[in-house]
Amino acid sequence: FLCCFRKIVSPTENFDAKYCIGSGGFGSV
């Protein structure tokens, strides 16, 4: 699980704002 989690999170550098492509009331994309 942690391996899959890191594979998703790592490309966004832990959800850095520079990778954000949209946001709304629920969350950010």
mmCIF file of all heavy atoms, coordinates in Angstrom:
data_MODEL
# 
_entry.id   MODEL 
# 
loop_
_atom_site.group_PDB 
_atom_site.id 
_atom_site.type_symbol 
_atom_site.label_atom_id 
_atom_site.label_alt_id 
_atom_site.label_comp_id 
_atom_site.label_asym_id 
_atom_site.label_entity_id 
_atom_site.label_seq_id 
_atom_site.pdbx_PDB_ins_code 
_atom_site.Cartn_x 
_atom_site.Cartn_y 
_atom_site.Cartn_z 
_atom_site.occupancy 
_atom_site.B_iso_or_equiv 
_atom_site.pdbx_formal_charge 
_atom_site.auth_seq_id 
_atom_site.auth_comp_id 
_atom_site.auth_asym_id 
_atom_site.auth_atom_id 
_atom_site.pdbx_PDB_model_num 
ATOM 1   N N   . PHE A 1 1  ? 0.837   -1.204 0.000   1.00 0.00 ? 1  PHE A N   1 
ATOM 2   C CA  . PHE A 1 1  ? 0.000   0.000  0.000   1.00 0.00 ? 1  PHE A CA  1 
ATOM 3   C C   . PHE A 1 1  ? 0.869   1.250  0.000   1.00 0.00 ? 1  PHE A C   1 
ATOM 4   O O   . PHE A 1 1  ? 0.648   2.173  -0.776  1.00 0.00 ? 1  PHE A O   1 
ATOM 5   C CB  . PHE A 1 1  ? -0.921  0.000  1.217   1.00 0.00 ? 1  PHE A CB  1 
ATOM 6   C CG  . PHE A 1 1  ? -1.582  1.327  1.452   1.00 0.00 ? 1  PHE A CG  1 
ATOM 7   C CD1 . PHE A 1 1  ? -2.680  1.719  0.696   1.00 0.00 ? 1  PHE A CD1 1 
ATOM 8   C CD2 . PHE A 1 1  ? -1.085  2.214  2.407   1.00 0.00 ? 1  PHE A CD2 1 
ATOM 9   C CE1 . PHE A 1 1  ? -3.285  2.944  0.894   1.00 0.00 ? 1  PHE A CE1 1 
ATOM 10  C CE2 . PHE A 1 1  ? -1.680  3.444  2.615   1.00 0.00 ? 1  PHE A CE2 1 
ATOM 11  C CZ  . PHE A 1 1  ? -2.783  3.803  1.852   1.00 0.00 ? 1  PHE A CZ  1 
ATOM 12  N N   . LEU A 1 2  ? 1.867   1.270  0.870   1.00 0.00 ? 2  LEU A N   1 
ATOM 13  C CA  . LEU A 1 2  ? 2.736   2.444  0.961   1.00 0.00 ? 2  LEU A CA  1 
ATOM 14  C C   . LEU A 1 2  ? 3.515   2.644  -0.331  1.00 0.00 ? 2  LEU A C   1 
ATOM 15  O O   . LEU A 1 2  ? 3.747   3.781  -0.761  1.00 0.00 ? 2  LEU A O   1 
ATOM 16  C CB  . LEU A 1 2  ? 3.699   2.290  2.142   1.00 0.00 ? 2  LEU A CB  1 
ATOM 17  C CG  . LEU A 1 2  ? 3.055   2.400  3.528   1.00 0.00 ? 2  LEU A CG  1 
ATOM 18  C CD1 . LEU A 1 2  ? 4.079   2.114  4.612   1.00 0.00 ? 2  LEU A CD1 1 
ATOM 19  C CD2 . LEU A 1 2  ? 2.451   3.783  3.738   1.00 0.00 ? 2  LEU A CD2 1 
ATOM 20  N N   . CYS A 1 3  ? 3.884   1.546  -0.985  1.00 0.00 ? 3  CYS A N   1 
ATOM 21  C CA  . CYS A 1 3  ? 4.606   1.643  -2.254  1.00 0.00 ? 3  CYS A CA  1 
ATOM 22  C C   . CYS A 1 3  ? 3.717   2.300  -3.308  1.00 0.00 ? 3  CYS A C   1 
ATOM 23  O O   . CYS A 1 3  ? 4.148   3.216  -4.013  1.00 0.00 ? 3  CYS A O   1 
ATOM 24  C CB  . CYS A 1 3  ? 5.040   0.256  -2.705  1.00 0.00 ? 3  CYS A CB  1 
ATOM 25  S SG  . CYS A 1 3  ? 5.943   0.248  -4.275  1.00 0.00 ? 3  CYS A SG  1 
ATOM 26  N N   . CYS A 1 4  ? 2.450   1.844  -3.405  1.00 0.00 ? 4  CYS A N   1 
ATOM 27  C CA  . CYS A 1 4  ? 1.512   2.435  -4.364  1.00 0.00 ? 4  CYS A CA  1 
ATOM 28  C C   . CYS A 1 4  ? 1.232   3.887  -4.015  1.00 0.00 ? 4  CYS A C   1 
ATOM 29  O O   . CYS A 1 4  ? 1.148   4.746  -4.897  1.00 0.00 ? 4  CYS A O   1 
ATOM 30  C CB  . CYS A 1 4  ? 0.214   1.625  -4.373  1.00 0.00 ? 4  CYS A CB  1 
ATOM 31  S SG  . CYS A 1 4  ? 0.397   -0.035 -5.050  1.00 0.00 ? 4  CYS A SG  1 
ATOM 32  N N   . PHE A 1 5  ? 1.092   4.160  -2.713  1.00 0.00 ? 5  PHE A N   1 
ATOM 33  C CA  . PHE A 1 5  ? 0.818   5.519  -2.259  1.00 0.00 ? 5  PHE A CA  1 
ATOM 34  C C   . PHE A 1 5  ? 1.948   6.455  -2.682  1.00 0.00 ? 5  PHE A C   1 
ATOM 35  O O   . PHE A 1 5  ? 1.713   7.535  -3.222  1.00 0.00 ? 5  PHE A O   1 
ATOM 36  C CB  . PHE A 1 5  ? 0.660   5.510  -0.736  1.00 0.00 ? 5  PHE A CB  1 
ATOM 37  C CG  . PHE A 1 5  ? 0.454   6.868  -0.134  1.00 0.00 ? 5  PHE A CG  1 
ATOM 38  C CD1 . PHE A 1 5  ? -0.806  7.447  -0.104  1.00 0.00 ? 5  PHE A CD1 1 
ATOM 39  C CD2 . PHE A 1 5  ? 1.513   7.572  0.414   1.00 0.00 ? 5  PHE A CD2 1 
ATOM 40  C CE1 . PHE A 1 5  ? -1.011  8.701  0.452   1.00 0.00 ? 5  PHE A CE1 1 
ATOM 41  C CE2 . PHE A 1 5  ? 1.330   8.824  0.973   1.00 0.00 ? 5  PHE A CE2 1 
ATOM 42  C CZ  . PHE A 1 5  ? 0.063   9.388  0.997   1.00 0.00 ? 5  PHE A CZ  1 
ATOM 43  N N   . ARG A 1 6  ? 3.171   6.015  -2.486  1.00 0.00 ? 6  ARG A N   1 
ATOM 44  C CA  . ARG A 1 6  ? 4.323   6.849  -2.837  1.00 0.00 ? 6  ARG A CA  1 
ATOM 45  C C   . ARG A 1 6  ? 4.427   7.050  -4.349  1.00 0.00 ? 6  ARG A C   1 
ATOM 46  O O   . ARG A 1 6  ? 4.834   8.115  -4.809  1.00 0.00 ? 6  ARG A O   1 
ATOM 47  C CB  . ARG A 1 6  ? 5.602   6.216  -2.289  1.00 0.00 ? 6  ARG A CB  1 
ATOM 48  C CG  . ARG A 1 6  ? 5.720   6.357  -0.759  1.00 0.00 ? 6  ARG A CG  1 
ATOM 49  C CD  . ARG A 1 6  ? 6.815   5.502  -0.203  1.00 0.00 ? 6  ARG A CD  1 
ATOM 50  N NE  . ARG A 1 6  ? 6.866   5.566  1.257   1.00 0.00 ? 6  ARG A NE  1 
ATOM 51  C CZ  . ARG A 1 6  ? 7.306   4.586  2.030   1.00 0.00 ? 6  ARG A CZ  1 
ATOM 52  N NH1 . ARG A 1 6  ? 7.729   3.449  1.481   1.00 0.00 ? 6  ARG A NH1 1 
ATOM 53  N NH2 . ARG A 1 6  ? 7.320   4.725  3.345   1.00 0.00 ? 6  ARG A NH2 1 
ATOM 54  N N   . LYS A 1 7  ? 4.062   6.024  -5.127  1.00 0.00 ? 7  LYS A N   1 
ATOM 55  C CA  . LYS A 1 7  ? 4.123   6.166  -6.579  1.00 0.00 ? 7  LYS A CA  1 
ATOM 56  C C   . LYS A 1 7  ? 3.146   7.219  -7.079  1.00 0.00 ? 7  LYS A C   1 
ATOM 57  O O   . LYS A 1 7  ? 3.397   7.872  -8.101  1.00 0.00 ? 7  LYS A O   1 
ATOM 58  C CB  . LYS A 1 7  ? 3.808   4.817  -7.246  1.00 0.00 ? 7  LYS A CB  1 
ATOM 59  C CG  . LYS A 1 7  ? 4.949   3.818  -7.197  1.00 0.00 ? 7  LYS A CG  1 
ATOM 60  C CD  . LYS A 1 7  ? 4.577   2.538  -7.927  1.00 0.00 ? 7  LYS A CD  1 
ATOM 61  C CE  . LYS A 1 7  ? 5.738   1.552  -7.913  1.00 0.00 ? 7  LYS A CE  1 
ATOM 62  N NZ  . LYS A 1 7  ? 5.374   0.293  -8.616  1.00 0.00 ? 7  LYS A NZ  1 
ATOM 63  N N   . ILE A 1 8  ? 2.048   7.393  -6.369  1.00 0.00 ? 8  ILE A N   1 
ATOM 64  C CA  . ILE A 1 8  ? 1.064   8.405  -6.746  1.00 0.00 ? 8  ILE A CA  1 
ATOM 65  C C   . ILE A 1 8  ? 1.477   9.783  -6.247  1.00 0.00 ? 8  ILE A C   1 
ATOM 66  O O   . ILE A 1 8  ? 1.411   10.782 -6.965  1.00 0.00 ? 8  ILE A O   1 
ATOM 67  C CB  . ILE A 1 8  ? -0.328  8.050  -6.191  1.00 0.00 ? 8  ILE A CB  1 
ATOM 68  C CG1 . ILE A 1 8  ? -0.854  6.765  -6.840  1.00 0.00 ? 8  ILE A CG1 1 
ATOM 69  C CG2 . ILE A 1 8  ? -1.309  9.194  -6.394  1.00 0.00 ? 8  ILE A CG2 1 
ATOM 70  C CD1 . ILE A 1 8  ? -1.133  6.879  -8.309  1.00 0.00 ? 8  ILE A CD1 1 
ATOM 71  N N   . VAL A 1 9  ? 1.933   9.844  -5.001  1.00 0.00 ? 9  VAL A N   1 
ATOM 72  C CA  . VAL A 1 9  ? 2.240   11.123 -4.366  1.00 0.00 ? 9  VAL A CA  1 
ATOM 73  C C   . VAL A 1 9  ? 3.571   11.704 -4.843  1.00 0.00 ? 9  VAL A C   1 
ATOM 74  O O   . VAL A 1 9  ? 3.693   12.917 -5.023  1.00 0.00 ? 9  VAL A O   1 
ATOM 75  C CB  . VAL A 1 9  ? 2.249   10.978 -2.829  1.00 0.00 ? 9  VAL A CB  1 
ATOM 76  C CG1 . VAL A 1 9  ? 2.705   12.270 -2.156  1.00 0.00 ? 9  VAL A CG1 1 
ATOM 77  C CG2 . VAL A 1 9  ? 0.867   10.587 -2.332  1.00 0.00 ? 9  VAL A CG2 1 
ATOM 78  N N   . SER A 1 10 ? 4.541   10.862 -5.092  1.00 0.00 ? 10 SER A N   1 
ATOM 79  C CA  . SER A 1 10 ? 5.882   11.339 -5.450  1.00 0.00 ? 10 SER A CA  1 
ATOM 80  C C   . SER A 1 10 ? 5.903   12.242 -6.680  1.00 0.00 ? 10 SER A C   1 
ATOM 81  O O   . SER A 1 10 ? 6.566   13.287 -6.669  1.00 0.00 ? 10 SER A O   1 
ATOM 82  C CB  . SER A 1 10 ? 6.819   10.145 -5.648  1.00 0.00 ? 10 SER A CB  1 
ATOM 83  O OG  . SER A 1 10 ? 8.104   10.574 -6.023  1.00 0.00 ? 10 SER A OG  1 
ATOM 84  N N   . PRO A 1 11 ? 5.189   11.899 -7.786  1.00 0.00 ? 11 PRO A N   1 
ATOM 85  C CA  . PRO A 1 11 ? 5.242   12.775 -8.972  1.00 0.00 ? 11 PRO A CA  1 
ATOM 86  C C   . PRO A 1 11 ? 4.701   14.182 -8.731  1.00 0.00 ? 11 PRO A C   1 
ATOM 87  O O   . PRO A 1 11 ? 4.997   15.097 -9.502  1.00 0.00 ? 11 PRO A O   1 
ATOM 88  C CB  . PRO A 1 11 ? 4.371   12.031 -9.999  1.00 0.00 ? 11 PRO A CB  1 
ATOM 89  C CG  . PRO A 1 11 ? 4.374   10.619 -9.551  1.00 0.00 ? 11 PRO A CG  1 
ATOM 90  C CD  . PRO A 1 11 ? 4.418   10.669 -8.061  1.00 0.00 ? 11 PRO A CD  1 
ATOM 91  N N   . THR A 1 12 ? 3.920   14.353 -7.673  1.00 0.00 ? 12 THR A N   1 
ATOM 92  C CA  . THR A 1 12 ? 3.403   15.688 -7.366  1.00 0.00 ? 12 THR A CA  1 
ATOM 93  C C   . THR A 1 12 ? 4.234   16.376 -6.282  1.00 0.00 ? 12 THR A C   1 
ATOM 94  O O   . THR A 1 12 ? 3.870   17.471 -5.826  1.00 0.00 ? 12 THR A O   1 
ATOM 95  C CB  . THR A 1 12 ? 1.941   15.622 -6.893  1.00 0.00 ? 12 THR A CB  1 
ATOM 96  O OG1 . THR A 1 12 ? 1.883   14.920 -5.638  1.00 0.00 ? 12 THR A OG1 1 
ATOM 97  C CG2 . THR A 1 12 ? 1.060   14.925 -7.909  1.00 0.00 ? 12 THR A CG2 1 
ATOM 98  N N   . GLU A 1 13 ? 5.340   15.704 -5.875  1.00 0.00 ? 13 GLU A N   1 
ATOM 99  C CA  . GLU A 1 13 ? 6.196   16.241 -4.812  1.00 0.00 ? 13 GLU A CA  1 
ATOM 100 C C   . GLU A 1 13 ? 5.352   16.580 -3.576  1.00 0.00 ? 13 GLU A C   1 
ATOM 101 O O   . GLU A 1 13 ? 5.378   17.688 -3.054  1.00 0.00 ? 13 GLU A O   1 
ATOM 102 C CB  . GLU A 1 13 ? 6.979   17.463 -5.300  1.00 0.00 ? 13 GLU A CB  1 
ATOM 103 C CG  . GLU A 1 13 ? 7.915   17.140 -6.459  1.00 0.00 ? 13 GLU A CG  1 
ATOM 104 C CD  . GLU A 1 13 ? 8.664   18.365 -6.963  1.00 0.00 ? 13 GLU A CD  1 
ATOM 105 O OE1 . GLU A 1 13 ? 8.944   19.268 -6.141  1.00 0.00 ? 13 GLU A OE1 1 
ATOM 106 O OE2 . GLU A 1 13 ? 8.969   18.415 -8.164  1.00 0.00 ? 13 GLU A OE2 1 
ATOM 107 N N   . ASN A 1 14 ? 4.592   15.563 -3.181  1.00 0.00 ? 14 ASN A N   1 
ATOM 108 C CA  . ASN A 1 14 ? 3.728   15.686 -2.000  1.00 0.00 ? 14 ASN A CA  1 
ATOM 109 C C   . ASN A 1 14 ? 2.700   16.803 -2.172  1.00 0.00 ? 14 ASN A C   1 
ATOM 110 O O   . ASN A 1 14 ? 2.447   17.601 -1.284  1.00 0.00 ? 14 ASN A O   1 
ATOM 111 C CB  . ASN A 1 14 ? 4.544   15.903 -0.726  1.00 0.00 ? 14 ASN A CB  1 
ATOM 112 C CG  . ASN A 1 14 ? 3.757   15.550 0.515   1.00 0.00 ? 14 ASN A CG  1 
ATOM 113 O OD1 . ASN A 1 14 ? 2.886   14.676 0.485   1.00 0.00 ? 14 ASN A OD1 1 
ATOM 114 N ND2 . ASN A 1 14 ? 4.048   16.239 1.624   1.00 0.00 ? 14 ASN A ND2 1 
ATOM 115 N N   . PHE A 1 15 ? 2.097   16.825 -3.361  1.00 0.00 ? 15 PHE A N   1 
ATOM 116 C CA  . PHE A 1 15 ? 1.034   17.767 -3.714  1.00 0.00 ? 15 PHE A CA  1 
ATOM 117 C C   . PHE A 1 15 ? 1.504   19.226 -3.643  1.00 0.00 ? 15 PHE A C   1 
ATOM 118 O O   . PHE A 1 15 ? 0.863   20.081 -3.054  1.00 0.00 ? 15 PHE A O   1 
ATOM 119 C CB  . PHE A 1 15 ? -0.193  17.548 -2.823  1.00 0.00 ? 15 PHE A CB  1 
ATOM 120 C CG  . PHE A 1 15 ? -0.796  16.177 -2.973  1.00 0.00 ? 15 PHE A CG  1 
ATOM 121 C CD1 . PHE A 1 15 ? -0.642  15.220 -1.975  1.00 0.00 ? 15 PHE A CD1 1 
ATOM 122 C CD2 . PHE A 1 15 ? -1.484  15.841 -4.118  1.00 0.00 ? 15 PHE A CD2 1 
ATOM 123 C CE1 . PHE A 1 15 ? -1.186  13.949 -2.118  1.00 0.00 ? 15 PHE A CE1 1 
ATOM 124 C CE2 . PHE A 1 15 ? -2.028  14.567 -4.280  1.00 0.00 ? 15 PHE A CE2 1 
ATOM 125 C CZ  . PHE A 1 15 ? -1.883  13.618 -3.273  1.00 0.00 ? 15 PHE A CZ  1 
ATOM 126 N N   . ASP A 1 16 ? 2.621   19.450 -4.289  1.00 0.00 ? 16 ASP A N   1 
ATOM 127 C CA  . ASP A 1 16 ? 3.119   20.820 -4.416  1.00 0.00 ? 16 ASP A CA  1 
ATOM 128 C C   . ASP A 1 16 ? 2.167   21.630 -5.300  1.00 0.00 ? 16 ASP A C   1 
ATOM 129 O O   . ASP A 1 16 ? 1.610   21.124 -6.276  1.00 0.00 ? 16 ASP A O   1 
ATOM 130 C CB  . ASP A 1 16 ? 4.515   20.807 -5.040  1.00 0.00 ? 16 ASP A CB  1 
ATOM 131 C CG  . ASP A 1 16 ? 5.178   22.176 -4.980  1.00 0.00 ? 16 ASP A CG  1 
ATOM 132 O OD1 . ASP A 1 16 ? 4.838   23.026 -5.842  1.00 0.00 ? 16 ASP A OD1 1 
ATOM 133 O OD2 . ASP A 1 16 ? 6.016   22.401 -4.097  1.00 0.00 ? 16 ASP A OD2 1 
ATOM 134 N N   . ALA A 1 17 ? 2.006   22.899 -4.983  1.00 0.00 ? 17 ALA A N   1 
ATOM 135 C CA  . ALA A 1 17 ? 1.053   23.757 -5.693  1.00 0.00 ? 17 ALA A CA  1 
ATOM 136 C C   . ALA A 1 17 ? 1.354   23.871 -7.186  1.00 0.00 ? 17 ALA A C   1 
ATOM 137 O O   . ALA A 1 17 ? 0.440   24.112 -7.982  1.00 0.00 ? 17 ALA A O   1 
ATOM 138 C CB  . ALA A 1 17 ? 1.050   25.154 -5.063  1.00 0.00 ? 17 ALA A CB  1 
ATOM 139 N N   . LYS A 1 18 ? 2.607   23.683 -7.587  1.00 0.00 ? 18 LYS A N   1 
ATOM 140 C CA  . LYS A 1 18 ? 2.944   23.838 -9.004  1.00 0.00 ? 18 LYS A CA  1 
ATOM 141 C C   . LYS A 1 18 ? 2.328   22.752 -9.882  1.00 0.00 ? 18 LYS A C   1 
ATOM 142 O O   . LYS A 1 18 ? 2.263   22.897 -11.106 1.00 0.00 ? 18 LYS A O   1 
ATOM 143 C CB  . LYS A 1 18 ? 4.457   23.875 -9.199  1.00 0.00 ? 18 LYS A CB  1 
ATOM 144 C CG  . LYS A 1 18 ? 5.183   22.587 -8.859  1.00 0.00 ? 18 LYS A CG  1 
ATOM 145 C CD  . LYS A 1 18 ? 6.694   22.785 -8.976  1.00 0.00 ? 18 LYS A CD  1 
ATOM 146 C CE  . LYS A 1 18 ? 7.465   21.533 -8.585  1.00 0.00 ? 18 LYS A CE  1 
ATOM 147 N NZ  . LYS A 1 18 ? 8.929   21.742 -8.630  1.00 0.00 ? 18 LYS A NZ  1 
ATOM 148 N N   . TYR A 1 19 ? 1.853   21.661 -9.248  1.00 0.00 ? 19 TYR A N   1 
ATOM 149 C CA  . TYR A 1 19 ? 1.208   20.581 -10.006 1.00 0.00 ? 19 TYR A CA  1 
ATOM 150 C C   . TYR A 1 19 ? -0.315  20.688 -9.971  1.00 0.00 ? 19 TYR A C   1 
ATOM 151 O O   . TYR A 1 19 ? -1.007  19.870 -10.557 1.00 0.00 ? 19 TYR A O   1 
ATOM 152 C CB  . TYR A 1 19 ? 1.628   19.212 -9.459  1.00 0.00 ? 19 TYR A CB  1 
ATOM 153 C CG  . TYR A 1 19 ? 3.109   18.931 -9.618  1.00 0.00 ? 19 TYR A CG  1 
ATOM 154 C CD1 . TYR A 1 19 ? 3.991   19.127 -8.553  1.00 0.00 ? 19 TYR A CD1 1 
ATOM 155 C CD2 . TYR A 1 19 ? 3.624   18.484 -10.830 1.00 0.00 ? 19 TYR A CD2 1 
ATOM 156 C CE1 . TYR A 1 19 ? 5.355   18.883 -8.689  1.00 0.00 ? 19 TYR A CE1 1 
ATOM 157 C CE2 . TYR A 1 19 ? 4.989   18.249 -10.984 1.00 0.00 ? 19 TYR A CE2 1 
ATOM 158 C CZ  . TYR A 1 19 ? 5.840   18.444 -9.913  1.00 0.00 ? 19 TYR A CZ  1 
ATOM 159 O OH  . TYR A 1 19 ? 7.183   18.203 -10.064 1.00 0.00 ? 19 TYR A OH  1 
ATOM 160 N N   . CYS A 1 20 ? -0.822  21.688 -9.272  1.00 0.00 ? 20 CYS A N   1 
ATOM 161 C CA  . CYS A 1 20 ? -2.274  21.846 -9.139  1.00 0.00 ? 20 CYS A CA  1 
ATOM 162 C C   . CYS A 1 20 ? -2.852  22.377 -10.451 1.00 0.00 ? 20 CYS A C   1 
ATOM 163 O O   . CYS A 1 20 ? -2.387  23.380 -10.987 1.00 0.00 ? 20 CYS A O   1 
ATOM 164 C CB  . CYS A 1 20 ? -2.601  22.802 -7.993  1.00 0.00 ? 20 CYS A CB  1 
ATOM 165 S SG  . CYS A 1 20 ? -4.374  22.962 -7.677  1.00 0.00 ? 20 CYS A SG  1 
ATOM 166 N N   . ILE A 1 21 ? -3.885  21.693 -10.962 1.00 0.00 ? 21 ILE A N   1 
ATOM 167 C CA  . ILE A 1 21 ? -4.499  22.105 -12.226 1.00 0.00 ? 21 ILE A CA  1 
ATOM 168 C C   . ILE A 1 21 ? -5.956  22.519 -12.048 1.00 0.00 ? 21 ILE A C   1 
ATOM 169 O O   . ILE A 1 21 ? -6.649  22.816 -13.020 1.00 0.00 ? 21 ILE A O   1 
ATOM 170 C CB  . ILE A 1 21 ? -4.398  20.991 -13.285 1.00 0.00 ? 21 ILE A CB  1 
ATOM 171 C CG1 . ILE A 1 21 ? -5.026  19.690 -12.772 1.00 0.00 ? 21 ILE A CG1 1 
ATOM 172 C CG2 . ILE A 1 21 ? -2.945  20.782 -13.694 1.00 0.00 ? 21 ILE A CG2 1 
ATOM 173 C CD1 . ILE A 1 21 ? -5.056  18.582 -13.811 1.00 0.00 ? 21 ILE A CD1 1 
ATOM 174 N N   . GLY A 1 22 ? -6.432  22.558 -10.806 1.00 0.00 ? 22 GLY A N   1 
ATOM 175 C CA  . GLY A 1 22 ? -7.805  22.979 -10.558 1.00 0.00 ? 22 GLY A CA  1 
ATOM 176 C C   . GLY A 1 22 ? -8.174  22.779 -9.107  1.00 0.00 ? 22 GLY A C   1 
ATOM 177 O O   . GLY A 1 22 ? -7.540  22.004 -8.385  1.00 0.00 ? 22 GLY A O   1 
ATOM 178 N N   . SER A 1 23 ? -9.189  23.486 -8.661  1.00 0.00 ? 23 SER A N   1 
ATOM 179 C CA  . SER A 1 23 ? -9.631  23.333 -7.271  1.00 0.00 ? 23 SER A CA  1 
ATOM 180 C C   . SER A 1 23 ? -11.104 23.681 -7.176  1.00 0.00 ? 23 SER A C   1 
ATOM 181 O O   . SER A 1 23 ? -11.663 24.379 -8.026  1.00 0.00 ? 23 SER A O   1 
ATOM 182 C CB  . SER A 1 23 ? -8.815  24.233 -6.333  1.00 0.00 ? 23 SER A CB  1 
ATOM 183 O OG  . SER A 1 23 ? -8.976  25.590 -6.674  1.00 0.00 ? 23 SER A OG  1 
ATOM 184 N N   . GLY A 1 24 ? -11.729 23.168 -6.126  1.00 0.00 ? 24 GLY A N   1 
ATOM 185 C CA  . GLY A 1 24 ? -13.143 23.436 -5.883  1.00 0.00 ? 24 GLY A CA  1 
ATOM 186 C C   . GLY A 1 24 ? -13.448 23.278 -4.416  1.00 0.00 ? 24 GLY A C   1 
ATOM 187 O O   . GLY A 1 24 ? -12.530 23.188 -3.575  1.00 0.00 ? 24 GLY A O   1 
ATOM 188 N N   . GLY A 1 25 ? -14.730 23.226 -4.098  1.00 0.00 ? 25 GLY A N   1 
ATOM 189 C CA  . GLY A 1 25 ? -15.115 23.128 -2.703  1.00 0.00 ? 25 GLY A CA  1 
ATOM 190 C C   . GLY A 1 25 ? -14.682 21.830 -2.059  1.00 0.00 ? 25 GLY A C   1 
ATOM 191 O O   . GLY A 1 25 ? -14.355 21.780 -0.876  1.00 0.00 ? 25 GLY A O   1 
ATOM 192 N N   . PHE A 1 26 ? -14.650 20.758 -2.839  1.00 0.00 ? 26 PHE A N   1 
ATOM 193 C CA  . PHE A 1 26 ? -14.290 19.446 -2.295  1.00 0.00 ? 26 PHE A CA  1 
ATOM 194 C C   . PHE A 1 26 ? -12.787 19.285 -2.121  1.00 0.00 ? 26 PHE A C   1 
ATOM 195 O O   . PHE A 1 26 ? -12.310 18.739 -1.143  1.00 0.00 ? 26 PHE A O   1 
ATOM 196 C CB  . PHE A 1 26 ? -14.835 18.347 -3.217  1.00 0.00 ? 26 PHE A CB  1 
ATOM 197 C CG  . PHE A 1 26 ? -14.289 16.983 -2.920  1.00 0.00 ? 26 PHE A CG  1 
ATOM 198 C CD1 . PHE A 1 26 ? -14.813 16.221 -1.888  1.00 0.00 ? 26 PHE A CD1 1 
ATOM 199 C CD2 . PHE A 1 26 ? -13.246 16.453 -3.669  1.00 0.00 ? 26 PHE A CD2 1 
ATOM 200 C CE1 . PHE A 1 26 ? -14.304 14.963 -1.614  1.00 0.00 ? 26 PHE A CE1 1 
ATOM 201 C CE2 . PHE A 1 26 ? -12.741 15.195 -3.403  1.00 0.00 ? 26 PHE A CE2 1 
ATOM 202 C CZ  . PHE A 1 26 ? -13.284 14.446 -2.367  1.00 0.00 ? 26 PHE A CZ  1 
ATOM 203 N N   . GLY A 1 27 ? -12.015 19.747 -3.094  1.00 0.00 ? 27 GLY A N   1 
ATOM 204 C CA  . GLY A 1 27 ? -10.580 19.524 -3.027  1.00 0.00 ? 27 GLY A CA  1 
ATOM 205 C C   . GLY A 1 27 ? -9.872  20.138 -4.211  1.00 0.00 ? 27 GLY A C   1 
ATOM 206 O O   . GLY A 1 27 ? -10.449 20.906 -4.981  1.00 0.00 ? 27 GLY A O   1 
ATOM 207 N N   . SER A 1 28 ? -8.599  19.776 -4.363  1.00 0.00 ? 28 SER A N   1 
ATOM 208 C CA  . SER A 1 28 ? -7.780  20.263 -5.463  1.00 0.00 ? 28 SER A CA  1 
ATOM 209 C C   . SER A 1 28 ? -7.364  19.102 -6.344  1.00 0.00 ? 28 SER A C   1 
ATOM 210 O O   . SER A 1 28 ? -7.225  17.971 -5.876  1.00 0.00 ? 28 SER A O   1 
ATOM 211 C CB  . SER A 1 28 ? -6.536  20.980 -4.917  1.00 0.00 ? 28 SER A CB  1 
ATOM 212 O OG  . SER A 1 28 ? -6.914  22.106 -4.138  1.00 0.00 ? 28 SER A OG  1 
ATOM 213 N N   . VAL A 1 29 ? -7.158  19.406 -7.633  1.00 0.00 ? 29 VAL A N   1 
ATOM 214 C CA  . VAL A 1 29 ? -6.781  18.375 -8.597  1.00 0.00 ? 29 VAL A CA  1 
ATOM 215 C C   . VAL A 1 29 ? -5.339  18.622 -9.031  1.00 0.00 ? 29 VAL A C   1 
ATOM 216 O O   . VAL A 1 29 ? -4.957  19.752 -9.368  1.00 0.00 ? 29 VAL A O   1 
ATOM 217 C CB  . VAL A 1 29 ? -7.715  18.389 -9.822  1.00 0.00 ? 29 VAL A CB  1 
ATOM 218 C CG1 . VAL A 1 29 ? -7.310  17.290 -10.808 1.00 0.00 ? 29 VAL A CG1 1 
ATOM 219 C CG2 . VAL A 1 29 ? -9.164  18.203 -9.382  1.00 0.00 ? 29 VAL A CG2 1 
# 
